[in-house]
Amino acid sequence: MFKRARGGGGGGGGAVGVETARPRSDTHTNSAEFILLRAADSDDPAASFQQALDAATNGILQNPNNPLAYLLAGRAQIGLGPHVSADSMIAASLAADSLLTRAGEMYQPYLEEIAVHRENAWINLFNASLASGDAGNPEESIRLLETAEAVFPRTRPEALHNLGVTYGNEGRFDESIDAYGAVLEVIRGRIEEVDSATAANWRMREQNATFNRANVLTLVERYEEAATTYAEYLESAPGDVQALSGLAGALASGGRADSAQAIYNSLLDATGLGVRQYLDIGVGLYRSAQSVDTAVVDPRPIYSEAARAFRMAADISPRNRDAVYNMAQSLAEAEDWEALLPVSEQLLELDPYNPQTYLLRALALNGTGDQEEAITVYTQGDSLDFRIEYPSPALAPRTGGGGVASVELTNNSLDPGTPVEMRVHFSGDDGRDLGSVDVRVEAPDQGVTVRADADLSSSETVSGFYVEVLSPR
């Protein structure tokens, strides 16, 4: 859904302190400094940084009012971080934060140097968070990023950006919104301080954070804020179809159907759009039709426009179950039975174990005058041995490619334990087949629903899928 940040630039200042003591060299601080000079290049860096920490700690014990000892102990903790576990790195970073704070309070001239050491701790934590995220451990990644912000707060946008992404992917939407807001505050407050290359990187990051924040605001139904945020983004990217569709969706959901309709009509006249963009437009139009006051406005023409958008998606990707199903649903709402008849037949090929498919087919038949066949089809849907339906959303594409499709299987009349084998076919934004994943579940007790997930690894982004039942048929 969203992109994580990698790399970046910047730097920062420090808190204002009060000079209360002067640094003093002694046997312990000299030893710590000597070890720190060589620790990173030693045969065993972890052991070397630990020795430096021990020496600096002994310096603190001997002279608790020596800011140099606190500074060196903080540096040793930071150096130790990349060579230990994530939990130990977090603990070391927080300890370094406390030590450096104390050194700065005791001796104000250290503050500029302390800011550099804090940024080094931030870099260690940020890089470790990327490794955790790549290893599929989002909770650990979040803790590392949160610690990075604790030791070097509101100075660089990258950790905040990745927090926004990871919070969002984990369903922590309010925290995601706050993190993206902090990204924008940092960038807009500091962009004049950084070099031109960093400024260019940050401006791109500002765009991404603004767009992502608008997306999440929509998810939590804060539609007015979402519309405002999409509009902010569109100031720098006026032709972005996904943002225009998002803006229209926020306007429609917020009760401004006319404004949304104008945007959607313009988008449908555009060329070169992909499956996902047409699906977004169709969903927005469908929601717009649902939101109108039917005593004043006939929603059927809007549903017809939604069907047109879904048809464009299905023309690109005929095996995209969502595109065909949504087209059929929109045509049913528009009461366009003639158009629904062939679409319902197409849907029956893609989704033959879903009772809703048979209902849509029966509505089309009934609407075109074939009541007897409509009853037969409806009865077929009501007598399936098992049914396959989908959660919302059923498809979770990954930013870097691939994704997960989720299926809900309910046992109507199979013997419990009967194996049900399914093949989930995935397609991309241009309609090409991206591969398939086989999933096997055992039928639960009758009347019970089980969920199955099909996870496709691919370098390309997934935009659609359909389920083929291999057995039992």
Protein backbone atom coordinates (compact mmCIF):
# COMPACT_ATOMS: atom_id res chain seq x y z
CA MET A 1 0.00 0.00 0.00
CA PHE A 2 2.72 2.49 0.98
CA LYS A 3 6.48 2.97 0.49
CA ARG A 4 9.10 2.92 3.18
CA ALA A 5 11.90 5.45 3.26
CA ARG A 6 15.53 4.49 2.77
CA GLY A 7 18.44 6.83 3.21
CA GLY A 8 18.22 10.60 3.32
CA GLY A 9 20.19 13.41 4.84
CA GLY A 10 20.13 16.08 7.45
CA GLY A 11 21.60 16.80 10.83
CA GLY A 12 20.54 18.61 13.91
CA GLY A 13 21.27 20.71 16.90
CA GLY A 14 20.84 19.90 20.55
CA ALA A 15 19.09 21.07 23.66
CA VAL A 16 20.31 24.10 25.50
CA GLY A 17 22.22 23.06 28.62
CA VAL A 18 23.83 24.78 31.56
CA GLU A 19 27.59 24.44 32.19
CA THR A 20 28.04 23.06 35.68
CA ALA A 21 31.33 21.10 35.43
CA ARG A 22 34.43 20.91 33.27
CA PRO A 23 35.67 17.72 31.60
CA ARG A 24 38.72 16.12 33.16
CA SER A 25 40.93 13.40 31.73
CA ASP A 26 41.98 10.55 33.97
CA THR A 27 43.19 6.99 33.62
CA HIS A 28 39.67 5.68 32.91
CA THR A 29 38.68 8.32 30.34
CA ASN A 30 42.04 8.04 28.60
CA SER A 31 41.56 4.28 28.33
CA ALA A 32 38.01 4.69 27.01
CA GLU A 33 39.10 7.24 24.39
CA PHE A 34 41.97 5.05 23.25
CA ILE A 35 39.73 2.00 22.82
CA LEU A 36 37.00 4.01 21.02
CA LEU A 37 39.50 5.21 18.44
CA ARG A 38 40.12 1.63 17.31
CA ALA A 39 36.96 -0.22 18.30
CA ALA A 40 35.11 -0.14 14.97
CA ASP A 41 38.10 -1.64 13.10
CA SER A 42 39.05 -4.21 15.72
CA ASP A 43 38.67 -7.96 15.26
CA ASP A 44 35.83 -7.96 17.82
CA PRO A 45 34.11 -4.54 17.76
CA ALA A 46 31.46 -5.57 20.29
CA ALA A 47 34.09 -6.56 22.83
CA SER A 48 36.05 -3.35 22.18
CA PHE A 49 33.04 -1.09 22.64
CA GLN A 50 32.15 -3.00 25.80
CA GLN A 51 35.68 -2.43 27.13
CA ALA A 52 35.36 1.28 26.35
CA LEU A 53 32.02 1.36 28.14
CA ASP A 54 33.49 -0.39 31.18
CA ALA A 55 36.36 2.11 31.33
CA ALA A 56 34.04 5.12 30.96
CA THR A 57 31.70 3.69 33.60
CA ASN A 58 34.61 3.33 36.00
CA GLY A 59 35.39 6.99 35.26
CA ILE A 60 31.84 7.97 36.24
CA LEU A 61 32.09 5.94 39.45
CA GLN A 62 35.39 7.59 40.34
CA ASN A 63 34.20 11.10 39.48
CA PRO A 64 30.41 11.45 39.09
CA ASN A 65 30.80 15.12 38.12
CA ASN A 66 33.05 14.55 35.10
CA PRO A 67 31.07 15.22 31.88
CA LEU A 68 33.79 13.62 29.75
CA ALA A 69 33.14 10.23 31.32
CA TYR A 70 29.42 10.47 30.54
CA LEU A 71 30.14 11.53 26.96
CA LEU A 72 32.50 8.59 26.39
CA ALA A 73 30.08 6.12 27.97
CA GLY A 74 27.33 7.37 25.65
CA ARG A 75 29.58 7.00 22.63
CA ALA A 76 30.48 3.46 23.67
CA GLN A 77 26.81 2.53 24.03
CA ILE A 78 26.10 3.84 20.53
CA GLY A 79 29.08 1.96 19.09
CA LEU A 80 27.92 -1.24 20.74
CA GLY A 81 24.44 -1.02 19.16
CA PRO A 82 25.04 -2.49 15.69
CA HIS A 83 26.79 -5.54 17.18
CA VAL A 84 24.02 -6.74 19.49
CA SER A 85 20.39 -7.87 19.20
CA ALA A 86 17.59 -5.41 18.47
CA ASP A 87 16.46 -5.46 22.10
CA SER A 88 19.99 -4.81 23.31
CA MET A 89 20.44 -2.05 20.73
CA ILE A 90 17.29 -0.33 21.96
CA ALA A 91 18.49 -0.58 25.57
CA ALA A 92 21.96 0.68 24.62
CA SER A 93 20.53 3.59 22.65
CA LEU A 94 18.28 4.69 25.49
CA ALA A 95 21.21 4.40 27.91
CA ALA A 96 23.32 6.49 25.54
CA ASP A 97 20.54 9.07 25.38
CA SER A 98 20.56 9.40 29.17
CA LEU A 99 24.36 9.59 29.35
CA LEU A 100 24.64 12.18 26.59
CA THR A 101 21.88 14.26 28.14
CA ARG A 102 23.78 14.27 31.42
CA ALA A 103 27.04 15.23 29.68
CA GLY A 104 25.31 18.12 27.91
CA GLU A 105 23.70 19.35 31.11
CA MET A 106 27.07 19.38 32.85
CA TYR A 107 29.07 20.96 30.02
CA GLN A 108 27.25 23.04 27.43
CA PRO A 109 30.09 23.14 24.83
CA TYR A 110 29.48 19.41 24.28
CA LEU A 111 26.02 20.02 22.83
CA GLU A 112 27.08 20.28 19.19
CA GLU A 113 29.17 17.13 19.41
CA ILE A 114 26.37 15.34 21.26
CA ALA A 115 24.00 16.08 18.37
CA VAL A 116 26.38 14.21 16.05
CA HIS A 117 26.48 11.21 18.38
CA ARG A 118 22.70 11.20 18.68
CA GLU A 119 22.41 11.15 14.91
CA ASN A 120 24.80 8.19 14.78
CA ALA A 121 22.53 6.35 17.21
CA TRP A 122 19.56 7.27 15.03
CA ILE A 123 21.32 5.89 11.93
CA ASN A 124 22.10 2.59 13.69
CA LEU A 125 18.51 2.18 14.79
CA PHE A 126 17.10 3.20 11.41
CA ASN A 127 19.27 0.70 9.54
CA ALA A 128 18.34 -2.04 12.01
CA SER A 129 14.65 -1.25 11.48
CA LEU A 130 15.05 -1.79 7.73
CA ALA A 131 16.55 -5.22 8.37
CA SER A 132 13.70 -6.09 10.74
CA GLY A 133 11.10 -4.94 8.23
CA ASP A 134 12.72 -6.94 5.44
CA ALA A 135 12.73 -9.99 7.73
CA GLY A 136 8.97 -9.67 8.26
CA ASN A 137 9.12 -8.38 11.84
CA PRO A 138 7.12 -5.13 11.80
CA GLU A 139 6.73 -4.95 15.59
CA GLU A 140 10.49 -4.95 16.10
CA SER A 141 10.89 -2.45 13.27
CA ILE A 142 8.42 -0.13 15.00
CA ARG A 143 10.26 -0.36 18.33
CA LEU A 144 13.57 0.45 16.65
CA LEU A 145 12.08 3.42 14.80
CA GLU A 146 10.37 4.72 17.93
CA THR A 147 13.69 4.53 19.78
CA ALA A 148 15.43 6.36 16.93
CA GLU A 149 12.94 9.19 17.37
CA ALA A 150 13.41 9.11 21.13
CA VAL A 151 17.19 9.67 20.92
CA PHE A 152 17.16 12.11 17.98
CA PRO A 153 13.64 13.56 17.87
CA ARG A 154 11.99 15.59 15.12
CA THR A 155 15.20 16.22 13.20
CA ARG A 156 15.14 13.83 10.23
CA PRO A 157 12.02 12.61 8.41
CA GLU A 158 13.01 9.08 7.39
CA ALA A 159 12.21 7.20 10.60
CA LEU A 160 8.96 9.09 11.00
CA HIS A 161 8.02 8.26 7.42
CA ASN A 162 8.65 4.57 7.95
CA LEU A 163 6.71 4.67 11.19
CA GLY A 164 3.79 6.10 9.24
CA VAL A 165 4.00 3.26 6.73
CA THR A 166 4.43 0.49 9.28
CA TYR A 167 1.78 1.82 11.65
CA GLY A 168 -0.61 1.96 8.69
CA ASN A 169 0.19 -1.56 7.55
CA GLU A 170 -0.41 -2.79 11.11
CA GLY A 171 -3.79 -1.04 11.34
CA ARG A 172 -2.58 1.60 13.81
CA PHE A 173 -4.12 4.37 11.75
CA ASP A 174 -4.20 7.25 14.23
CA GLU A 175 -0.50 6.75 14.97
CA SER A 176 0.19 6.57 11.24
CA ILE A 177 -1.56 9.89 10.67
CA ASP A 178 0.44 11.51 13.48
CA ALA A 179 3.72 10.13 12.13
CA TYR A 180 3.08 11.49 8.65
CA GLY A 181 2.13 14.83 10.18
CA ALA A 182 5.46 14.87 12.03
CA VAL A 183 7.27 14.15 8.73
CA LEU A 184 5.69 17.24 7.21
CA GLU A 185 6.55 19.37 10.25
CA VAL A 186 10.21 18.32 10.16
CA ILE A 187 10.61 18.85 6.43
CA ARG A 188 8.80 22.18 6.30
CA GLY A 189 10.59 23.42 9.39
CA ARG A 190 14.13 22.39 8.40
CA ILE A 191 14.35 22.22 4.62
CA GLU A 192 16.11 25.59 4.42
CA GLU A 193 18.89 24.24 6.67
CA VAL A 194 19.95 21.27 4.55
CA ASP A 195 22.00 21.02 1.35
CA SER A 196 20.39 21.00 -2.09
CA ALA A 197 20.58 17.22 -2.60
CA THR A 198 18.95 16.56 0.76
CA ALA A 199 16.34 19.24 0.10
CA ALA A 200 15.39 17.54 -3.19
CA ASN A 201 15.07 14.19 -1.39
CA TRP A 202 12.96 15.75 1.34
CA ARG A 203 10.61 17.42 -1.14
CA MET A 204 9.89 14.02 -2.69
CA ARG A 205 9.40 12.60 0.78
CA GLU A 206 7.02 15.46 1.59
CA GLN A 207 4.90 14.49 -1.41
CA ASN A 208 4.82 10.81 -0.39
CA ALA A 209 3.96 11.61 3.22
CA THR A 210 1.17 13.97 2.18
CA PHE A 211 -0.36 11.40 -0.15
CA ASN A 212 -0.06 8.57 2.37
CA ARG A 213 -1.55 10.73 5.12
CA ALA A 214 -4.56 11.51 2.90
CA ASN A 215 -5.03 7.78 2.28
CA VAL A 216 -5.05 6.95 5.98
CA LEU A 217 -7.34 9.86 6.82
CA THR A 218 -9.80 8.39 4.33
CA LEU A 219 -9.52 4.96 5.96
CA VAL A 220 -10.56 6.40 9.33
CA GLU A 221 -13.40 8.37 7.70
CA ARG A 222 -11.93 11.80 8.41
CA TYR A 223 -13.11 12.84 4.97
CA GLU A 224 -12.81 16.62 5.23
CA GLU A 225 -9.20 16.39 6.39
CA ALA A 226 -8.50 13.80 3.71
CA ALA A 227 -9.88 16.05 0.98
CA THR A 228 -7.77 18.97 2.22
CA THR A 229 -4.66 16.78 2.32
CA TYR A 230 -5.26 15.37 -1.18
CA ALA A 231 -5.64 18.95 -2.40
CA GLU A 232 -2.29 19.84 -0.80
CA TYR A 233 -0.66 16.94 -2.60
CA LEU A 234 -2.23 17.85 -5.93
CA GLU A 235 -0.68 21.30 -5.76
CA SER A 236 2.68 19.65 -6.47
CA ALA A 237 1.33 16.78 -8.61
CA PRO A 238 -1.73 18.15 -10.40
CA GLY A 239 -2.17 15.23 -12.80
CA ASP A 240 -1.89 12.37 -10.34
CA VAL A 241 -4.84 10.12 -11.17
CA GLN A 242 -4.72 8.17 -7.92
CA ALA A 243 -4.76 11.37 -5.88
CA LEU A 244 -7.60 12.82 -7.96
CA SER A 245 -9.55 9.62 -7.44
CA GLY A 246 -8.78 9.74 -3.73
CA LEU A 247 -9.91 13.36 -3.54
CA ALA A 248 -13.15 12.51 -5.34
CA GLY A 249 -13.74 9.58 -2.99
CA ALA A 250 -13.22 11.76 0.07
CA LEU A 251 -15.55 14.41 -1.33
CA ALA A 252 -18.22 11.83 -2.15
CA SER A 253 -17.97 10.16 1.23
CA GLY A 254 -18.09 13.55 2.90
CA GLY A 255 -21.38 14.43 1.21
CA ARG A 256 -20.06 16.53 -1.70
CA ALA A 257 -21.25 14.22 -4.46
CA ASP A 258 -21.44 16.86 -7.21
CA SER A 259 -17.80 17.88 -6.80
CA ALA A 260 -16.77 14.23 -6.74
CA GLN A 261 -18.80 13.45 -9.85
CA ALA A 262 -17.05 16.16 -11.85
CA ILE A 263 -13.64 14.72 -10.98
CA TYR A 264 -14.69 11.16 -11.82
CA ASN A 265 -16.12 12.18 -15.18
CA SER A 266 -12.86 13.88 -16.04
CA LEU A 267 -10.87 10.82 -14.99
CA LEU A 268 -12.96 8.45 -17.09
CA ASP A 269 -12.17 10.53 -20.16
CA ALA A 270 -8.42 10.17 -19.51
CA THR A 271 -6.29 7.60 -21.36
CA GLY A 272 -3.56 5.20 -20.36
CA LEU A 273 -4.92 4.28 -16.92
CA GLY A 274 -4.30 0.92 -15.28
CA VAL A 275 -6.58 -1.62 -13.65
CA ARG A 276 -6.07 -0.30 -10.15
CA GLN A 277 -6.87 3.28 -11.22
CA TYR A 278 -10.09 2.25 -12.95
CA LEU A 279 -11.08 0.20 -9.90
CA ASP A 280 -10.47 3.21 -7.65
CA ILE A 281 -12.62 5.38 -9.93
CA GLY A 282 -15.38 2.78 -10.02
CA VAL A 283 -15.43 2.37 -6.25
CA GLY A 284 -15.55 6.13 -5.82
CA LEU A 285 -18.47 6.46 -8.21
CA TYR A 286 -20.30 3.59 -6.53
CA ARG A 287 -19.91 5.24 -3.14
CA SER A 288 -20.98 8.56 -4.64
CA ALA A 289 -24.20 6.94 -5.89
CA GLN A 290 -24.83 5.46 -2.45
CA SER A 291 -24.47 8.88 -0.81
CA VAL A 292 -26.99 10.84 -2.89
CA ASP A 293 -30.42 11.82 -1.64
CA THR A 294 -32.58 9.53 -3.76
CA ALA A 295 -35.59 11.78 -3.21
CA VAL A 296 -33.78 14.45 -5.20
CA VAL A 297 -31.25 12.61 -7.41
CA ASP A 298 -31.66 9.36 -9.35
CA PRO A 299 -28.52 7.34 -8.48
CA ARG A 300 -28.86 4.92 -11.40
CA PRO A 301 -26.87 7.03 -13.90
CA ILE A 302 -24.05 7.27 -11.36
CA TYR A 303 -24.09 3.49 -10.91
CA SER A 304 -23.89 3.20 -14.70
CA GLU A 305 -20.77 5.38 -14.68
CA ALA A 306 -19.30 3.16 -11.96
CA ALA A 307 -20.01 0.13 -14.15
CA ARG A 308 -18.24 1.88 -17.04
CA ALA A 309 -15.13 2.34 -14.90
CA PHE A 310 -15.18 -1.30 -13.81
CA ARG A 311 -15.70 -2.38 -17.41
CA MET A 312 -12.55 -0.49 -18.40
CA ALA A 313 -10.67 -2.40 -15.69
CA ALA A 314 -12.16 -5.69 -16.87
CA ASP A 315 -11.31 -4.92 -20.50
CA ILE A 316 -7.65 -4.72 -19.45
CA SER A 317 -7.84 -7.69 -17.08
CA PRO A 318 -10.79 -10.01 -17.95
CA ARG A 319 -9.82 -12.48 -15.21
CA ASN A 320 -9.86 -9.88 -12.45
CA ARG A 321 -12.68 -11.11 -10.25
CA ASP A 322 -13.15 -7.78 -8.43
CA ALA A 323 -13.49 -5.83 -11.67
CA VAL A 324 -16.13 -8.18 -13.08
CA TYR A 325 -18.02 -8.57 -9.81
CA ASN A 326 -18.09 -4.81 -9.15
CA MET A 327 -19.25 -4.19 -12.71
CA ALA A 328 -22.09 -6.67 -12.25
CA GLN A 329 -23.09 -5.18 -8.90
CA SER A 330 -23.10 -1.66 -10.36
CA LEU A 331 -25.23 -2.71 -13.34
CA ALA A 332 -27.70 -4.36 -10.96
CA GLU A 333 -27.96 -1.12 -8.95
CA ALA A 334 -28.43 0.76 -12.24
CA GLU A 335 -31.15 -1.76 -13.17
CA ASP A 336 -29.49 -2.26 -16.56
CA TRP A 337 -30.55 -5.88 -16.94
CA GLU A 338 -29.58 -6.24 -20.60
CA ALA A 339 -26.00 -5.18 -19.87
CA LEU A 340 -25.89 -7.31 -16.72
CA LEU A 341 -26.86 -10.53 -18.54
CA PRO A 342 -23.49 -11.20 -20.29
CA VAL A 343 -21.50 -9.79 -17.38
CA SER A 344 -23.21 -12.16 -14.93
CA GLU A 345 -22.30 -15.05 -17.21
CA GLN A 346 -18.68 -13.87 -17.20
CA LEU A 347 -18.79 -13.62 -13.41
CA LEU A 348 -20.17 -17.16 -13.13
CA GLU A 349 -17.00 -18.45 -14.79
CA LEU A 350 -14.76 -16.55 -12.35
CA ASP A 351 -16.71 -16.92 -9.12
CA PRO A 352 -18.94 -20.02 -9.30
CA TYR A 353 -18.99 -20.79 -5.56
CA ASN A 354 -20.26 -17.41 -4.43
CA PRO A 355 -24.05 -17.20 -3.82
CA GLN A 356 -23.98 -13.52 -4.76
CA THR A 357 -22.90 -14.51 -8.27
CA TYR A 358 -26.10 -16.56 -8.68
CA LEU A 359 -28.22 -13.75 -7.27
CA LEU A 360 -26.81 -11.28 -9.80
CA ARG A 361 -27.33 -13.79 -12.62
CA ALA A 362 -30.92 -14.40 -11.46
CA LEU A 363 -31.63 -10.66 -11.34
CA ALA A 364 -30.38 -10.30 -14.91
CA LEU A 365 -32.51 -13.19 -16.12
CA ASN A 366 -35.58 -11.96 -14.30
CA GLY A 367 -35.07 -8.42 -15.57
CA THR A 368 -34.89 -9.64 -19.16
CA GLY A 369 -38.06 -11.71 -18.86
CA ASP A 370 -36.74 -15.23 -18.13
CA GLN A 371 -38.32 -15.73 -14.70
CA GLU A 372 -38.24 -19.52 -14.80
CA GLU A 373 -34.50 -19.68 -15.48
CA ALA A 374 -33.96 -16.99 -12.85
CA ILE A 375 -35.54 -19.24 -10.21
CA THR A 376 -33.42 -22.20 -11.33
CA VAL A 377 -30.19 -20.19 -11.11
CA TYR A 378 -31.08 -18.72 -7.74
CA THR A 379 -31.79 -22.23 -6.41
CA GLN A 380 -28.38 -23.40 -7.65
CA GLY A 381 -26.70 -20.70 -5.62
CA ASP A 382 -28.70 -21.67 -2.58
CA SER A 383 -27.71 -25.36 -2.84
CA LEU A 384 -23.90 -25.12 -3.11
CA ASP A 385 -21.99 -27.71 -1.06
CA PHE A 386 -19.73 -24.88 0.12
CA ARG A 387 -19.47 -21.22 -0.64
CA ILE A 388 -16.47 -18.97 -1.22
CA GLU A 389 -16.68 -15.33 -0.25
CA TYR A 390 -14.16 -12.62 0.45
CA PRO A 391 -13.27 -10.28 3.32
CA SER A 392 -12.92 -6.57 2.70
CA PRO A 393 -10.37 -5.92 1.41
CA ALA A 394 -9.71 -9.32 -0.09
CA LEU A 395 -6.44 -8.31 -1.77
CA ALA A 396 -3.47 -6.77 0.03
CA PRO A 397 -0.79 -5.79 -2.51
CA ARG A 398 2.73 -5.21 -1.21
CA THR A 399 4.53 -2.01 -2.09
CA GLY A 400 7.57 -3.88 -3.36
CA GLY A 401 5.58 -6.42 -5.38
CA GLY A 402 3.39 -9.46 -4.81
CA GLY A 403 0.60 -9.58 -2.30
CA VAL A 404 -1.88 -11.66 -0.33
CA ALA A 405 -5.38 -12.70 -1.43
CA SER A 406 -7.78 -13.84 1.28
CA VAL A 407 -10.68 -16.28 0.83
CA GLU A 408 -13.45 -17.23 3.26
CA LEU A 409 -14.87 -20.73 2.82
CA THR A 410 -18.13 -21.73 4.52
CA ASN A 411 -19.15 -25.39 4.63
CA ASN A 412 -22.78 -25.99 3.72
CA SER A 413 -23.01 -29.76 3.28
CA LEU A 414 -19.53 -31.30 2.92
CA ASP A 415 -18.37 -33.86 5.44
CA PRO A 416 -16.14 -32.04 7.95
CA GLY A 417 -12.50 -32.63 7.11
CA THR A 418 -13.08 -32.91 3.36
CA PRO A 419 -10.07 -31.33 1.62
CA VAL A 420 -10.85 -28.33 -0.55
CA GLU A 421 -8.05 -27.43 -2.95
CA MET A 422 -7.99 -23.99 -4.56
CA ARG A 423 -5.66 -22.27 -7.00
CA VAL A 424 -5.51 -18.50 -6.66
CA HIS A 425 -4.50 -16.75 -9.89
CA PHE A 426 -2.96 -13.26 -9.62
CA SER A 427 -2.81 -10.51 -12.25
CA GLY A 428 -1.01 -7.21 -12.57
CA ASP A 429 -2.08 -3.68 -13.35
CA ASP A 430 -1.76 -4.32 -17.08
CA GLY A 431 -3.81 -7.52 -16.86
CA ARG A 432 -0.88 -9.91 -17.28
CA ASP A 433 -0.86 -13.17 -15.33
CA LEU A 434 1.66 -12.92 -12.47
CA GLY A 435 1.41 -16.50 -11.29
CA SER A 436 -0.73 -18.66 -9.03
CA VAL A 437 -0.65 -20.08 -5.53
CA ASP A 438 -2.29 -23.34 -4.45
CA VAL A 439 -4.15 -23.36 -1.14
CA ARG A 440 -5.60 -26.38 0.64
CA VAL A 441 -8.07 -26.25 3.53
CA GLU A 442 -10.13 -28.87 5.31
CA ALA A 443 -13.85 -28.26 5.42
CA PRO A 444 -14.88 -27.16 8.90
CA ASP A 445 -18.09 -28.20 10.60
CA GLN A 446 -21.17 -27.39 8.57
CA GLY A 447 -22.17 -23.76 8.91
CA VAL A 448 -18.65 -22.75 10.00
CA THR A 449 -16.37 -20.41 8.02
CA VAL A 450 -12.58 -20.71 7.69
CA ARG A 451 -10.18 -18.26 6.09
CA ALA A 452 -7.33 -19.09 3.72
CA ASP A 453 -4.58 -16.74 2.53
CA ALA A 454 -2.66 -17.08 -0.72
CA ASP A 455 0.68 -15.25 -0.66
CA LEU A 456 2.33 -14.50 -4.01
CA SER A 457 5.97 -13.46 -4.16
CA SER A 458 6.61 -11.27 -7.19
CA SER A 459 8.60 -8.22 -8.21
CA GLU A 460 5.42 -6.76 -9.73
CA THR A 461 2.47 -5.22 -7.93
CA VAL A 462 -0.68 -7.32 -7.80
CA SER A 463 -3.94 -5.66 -8.89
CA GLY A 464 -6.36 -8.57 -9.07
CA PHE A 465 -7.04 -12.26 -8.60
CA TYR A 466 -9.62 -15.02 -9.03
CA VAL A 467 -10.04 -18.41 -7.35
CA GLU A 468 -10.17 -21.72 -9.23
CA VAL A 469 -11.48 -24.67 -7.19
CA LEU A 470 -9.53 -27.80 -8.07
CA SER A 471 -11.43 -30.19 -5.82
CA PRO A 472 -14.06 -31.12 -4.89
CA ARG A 473 -15.97 -29.99 -7.94
